[in-house]
Amino acid sequence: SWSLMFLIVGLGNIGSRYNNTRHNVGFIMLDRICEDLNISLDNENDTSYYGTGIISGKNIMCMKPKTFMNLSGSAVLEIINYFKISIDDLLVIYDDIYLDVSKIRIKQRGSHGGHNGIKDIINKINTDKFKRIKIGIGENKNIDLSNYVLSKFTYDEMRMLDSKYEDISTCIRMIIEGKLVEAMNLFN
């Protein structure tokens, strides 16, 4: 049944001008996952693009909000309500300026840490108890934060992200199998 669905959300901003920008690392990784699993995000509602597949024998849905980052919570809320997905089965993949480029940090819950997409999800679903994979995008103290997160990854940084994809894929698999703590021990 649909209620046995695990939801993987990648955060980012829709539109070609945002391709390969730092804030879109959630989209970048979700696209790779979908490519890997032959999932096409060809279903859509007012707030998101989504598609379904199977990981480790479990029905999963991959989803990209089309609301722009700061309203990501509306998209998540609409999907979890419509498909009756448990918050326990929600995993969000997004960018973290406090981690070096391509570093991975898995969390069980927590504050938004200044990330507007996460802030909106917490506000809309009314809890911070959802699983996350944060991916480092580095920081640049010389540039205004809002400009920095919308800057594009360099070629070398894209290669670093690429080389981390297997680890991220393993993380996701482990989390879906209920091995979040093991994944944290392995990758954090």
Protein backbone atom coordinates (compact mmCIF):
# COMPACT_ATOMS: atom_id res chain seq x y z
CA SER A 1 0.00 0.00 0.00
CA TRP A 2 1.00 3.62 -0.40
CA SER A 3 1.45 4.03 3.34
CA LEU A 4 4.50 1.76 3.06
CA MET A 5 6.21 4.41 0.99
CA PHE A 6 9.54 5.95 1.89
CA LEU A 7 9.91 9.54 0.65
CA ILE A 8 13.26 10.96 -0.48
CA VAL A 9 13.21 14.71 -1.06
CA GLY A 10 16.04 16.60 -2.76
CA LEU A 11 16.01 20.36 -2.17
CA GLY A 12 16.79 23.00 -4.76
CA ASN A 13 15.40 25.68 -7.04
CA ILE A 14 13.64 24.74 -10.29
CA GLY A 15 14.87 26.34 -13.53
CA SER A 16 17.92 26.07 -15.76
CA ARG A 17 19.58 29.15 -14.28
CA TYR A 18 19.92 27.19 -11.03
CA ASN A 19 21.53 24.11 -12.59
CA ASN A 20 24.68 23.04 -10.73
CA THR A 21 24.38 25.83 -8.17
CA ARG A 22 25.43 25.03 -4.61
CA HIS A 23 21.93 25.38 -3.19
CA ASN A 24 20.80 22.71 -5.68
CA VAL A 25 23.03 19.90 -4.42
CA GLY A 26 19.89 18.09 -3.20
CA PHE A 27 18.52 18.13 -6.76
CA ILE A 28 21.90 17.09 -8.18
CA MET A 29 22.06 14.02 -5.95
CA LEU A 30 18.37 13.14 -6.37
CA ASP A 31 18.82 13.22 -10.16
CA ARG A 32 21.69 10.72 -9.81
CA ILE A 33 19.59 8.45 -7.58
CA CYS A 34 16.73 8.56 -10.07
CA GLU A 35 19.06 7.84 -12.97
CA ASP A 36 20.51 4.89 -11.06
CA LEU A 37 17.13 3.41 -10.20
CA ASN A 38 15.42 4.27 -13.48
CA ILE A 39 12.92 6.53 -11.74
CA SER A 40 11.48 9.36 -13.79
CA LEU A 41 10.03 12.34 -11.96
CA ASP A 42 7.24 12.64 -14.48
CA ASN A 43 4.33 12.89 -12.05
CA GLU A 44 3.51 16.35 -10.80
CA ASN A 45 1.11 18.22 -8.62
CA ASP A 46 0.95 21.95 -7.87
CA THR A 47 4.07 21.91 -5.73
CA SER A 48 6.34 19.05 -6.82
CA TYR A 49 7.68 16.60 -9.37
CA TYR A 50 7.81 12.99 -8.20
CA GLY A 51 8.26 9.39 -9.24
CA THR A 52 8.35 5.97 -7.60
CA GLY A 53 10.70 3.03 -7.50
CA ILE A 54 12.06 0.34 -5.22
CA ILE A 55 15.12 0.30 -2.95
CA SER A 56 15.92 -2.77 -0.84
CA GLY A 57 12.44 -4.13 -1.51
CA LYS A 58 10.74 -1.01 -0.20
CA ASN A 59 8.51 1.31 -2.24
CA ILE A 60 10.14 4.69 -2.43
CA MET A 61 9.14 8.02 -3.87
CA CYS A 62 11.67 10.59 -5.04
CA MET A 63 10.46 14.18 -5.04
CA LYS A 64 11.67 17.64 -6.02
CA PRO A 65 9.73 20.67 -4.82
CA LYS A 66 8.90 23.13 -7.58
CA THR A 67 8.08 25.86 -5.06
CA PHE A 68 11.59 27.36 -4.90
CA MET A 69 13.71 26.64 -1.86
CA ASN A 70 12.09 28.88 0.72
CA LEU A 71 8.68 27.22 0.33
CA SER A 72 9.90 23.61 0.23
CA GLY A 73 7.68 22.75 3.20
CA SER A 74 4.50 23.26 1.18
CA ALA A 75 5.65 20.62 -1.29
CA VAL A 76 6.63 18.14 1.42
CA LEU A 77 3.37 18.66 3.31
CA GLU A 78 1.25 18.14 0.19
CA ILE A 79 2.97 14.86 -0.67
CA ILE A 80 2.99 13.38 2.84
CA ASN A 81 -0.66 14.26 3.33
CA TYR A 82 -1.78 12.98 -0.06
CA PHE A 83 0.16 9.70 0.07
CA LYS A 84 -0.14 9.30 3.87
CA ILE A 85 3.61 9.05 4.33
CA SER A 86 4.90 8.81 7.88
CA ILE A 87 7.42 11.43 9.06
CA ASP A 88 9.54 8.41 10.08
CA ASP A 89 9.78 7.60 6.38
CA LEU A 90 10.93 11.04 5.26
CA LEU A 91 14.52 11.72 4.18
CA VAL A 92 15.64 15.15 2.99
CA ILE A 93 18.88 15.73 1.05
CA TYR A 94 20.25 19.27 1.04
CA ASP A 95 23.24 21.59 1.10
CA ASP A 96 25.26 22.68 4.14
CA ILE A 97 27.63 25.65 4.06
CA TYR A 98 29.27 24.55 7.32
CA LEU A 99 30.68 21.40 5.74
CA ASP A 100 33.51 21.29 3.20
CA VAL A 101 32.47 20.55 -0.37
CA SER A 102 31.19 16.96 -0.73
CA LYS A 103 31.42 16.08 2.99
CA ILE A 104 28.41 14.07 4.16
CA ARG A 105 26.58 14.41 7.46
CA ILE A 106 23.59 12.25 8.38
CA LYS A 107 21.15 13.50 10.99
CA GLN A 108 18.12 11.99 12.68
CA ARG A 109 16.55 15.35 13.47
CA GLY A 110 17.57 18.87 14.44
CA SER A 111 17.21 22.59 13.88
CA HIS A 112 17.32 24.21 10.45
CA GLY A 113 20.77 25.74 11.05
CA GLY A 114 19.83 28.79 8.99
CA HIS A 115 18.75 26.77 5.94
CA ASN A 116 15.53 28.31 4.61
CA GLY A 117 14.28 25.18 2.89
CA ILE A 118 14.62 23.12 6.07
CA LYS A 119 13.17 25.97 8.15
CA ASP A 120 10.04 25.92 5.98
CA ILE A 121 9.72 22.11 6.14
CA ILE A 122 9.95 22.18 9.96
CA ASN A 123 7.32 24.95 10.08
CA LYS A 124 4.90 23.29 7.68
CA ILE A 125 5.07 19.68 8.94
CA ASN A 126 5.38 20.94 12.49
CA THR A 127 8.33 18.80 13.60
CA ASP A 128 12.11 18.67 13.24
CA LYS A 129 12.17 14.90 13.73
CA PHE A 130 12.94 13.86 10.16
CA LYS A 131 16.01 12.24 8.66
CA ARG A 132 18.48 14.25 6.63
CA ILE A 133 21.60 13.84 4.55
CA LYS A 134 23.49 17.11 4.45
CA ILE A 135 26.08 17.60 1.72
CA GLY A 136 28.82 20.17 2.16
CA ILE A 137 29.02 23.07 -0.28
CA GLY A 138 31.78 24.94 1.57
CA GLU A 139 31.54 28.60 2.41
CA ASN A 140 33.07 31.81 1.14
CA LYS A 141 33.30 34.62 3.68
CA ASN A 142 34.04 37.13 0.90
CA ILE A 143 30.69 36.76 -0.82
CA ASP A 144 27.22 37.53 0.49
CA LEU A 145 25.66 34.21 1.56
CA SER A 146 22.63 34.48 -0.73
CA ASN A 147 24.92 35.04 -3.73
CA TYR A 148 27.30 32.27 -2.68
CA VAL A 149 24.65 29.55 -2.43
CA LEU A 150 23.41 30.49 -5.89
CA SER A 151 26.92 30.36 -7.38
CA LYS A 152 27.85 27.35 -9.50
CA PHE A 153 30.13 24.54 -8.42
CA THR A 154 33.52 24.53 -10.13
CA TYR A 155 34.48 21.62 -12.37
CA ASP A 156 36.71 20.19 -9.62
CA GLU A 157 33.96 20.49 -7.03
CA MET A 158 31.51 18.70 -9.34
CA ARG A 159 34.05 15.89 -9.66
CA MET A 160 34.36 15.71 -5.86
CA LEU A 161 30.58 15.48 -5.54
CA ASP A 162 30.56 12.82 -8.22
CA SER A 163 33.10 10.75 -6.32
CA LYS A 164 30.87 10.88 -3.21
CA TYR A 165 27.80 9.59 -4.98
CA GLU A 166 28.45 5.91 -4.12
CA ASP A 167 28.67 6.80 -0.43
CA ILE A 168 25.46 8.81 -0.59
CA SER A 169 23.74 5.97 -2.40
CA THR A 170 24.89 3.55 0.31
CA CYS A 171 23.67 5.98 3.01
CA ILE A 172 20.23 6.11 1.46
CA ARG A 173 20.01 2.35 1.15
CA MET A 174 21.05 1.88 4.80
CA ILE A 175 18.57 4.50 6.03
CA ILE A 176 15.73 2.83 4.10
CA GLU A 177 16.76 -0.50 5.64
CA GLY A 178 16.47 1.05 9.10
CA LYS A 179 20.23 1.25 9.66
CA LEU A 180 20.48 5.00 10.19
CA VAL A 181 22.74 4.76 13.25
CA GLU A 182 25.12 2.43 11.40
CA ALA A 183 25.16 4.84 8.47
CA MET A 184 25.97 7.72 10.85
CA ASN A 185 28.83 5.72 12.34
CA LEU A 186 30.14 4.89 8.90
CA PHE A 187 29.87 8.30 7.19
CA ASN A 188 29.70 11.11 9.75
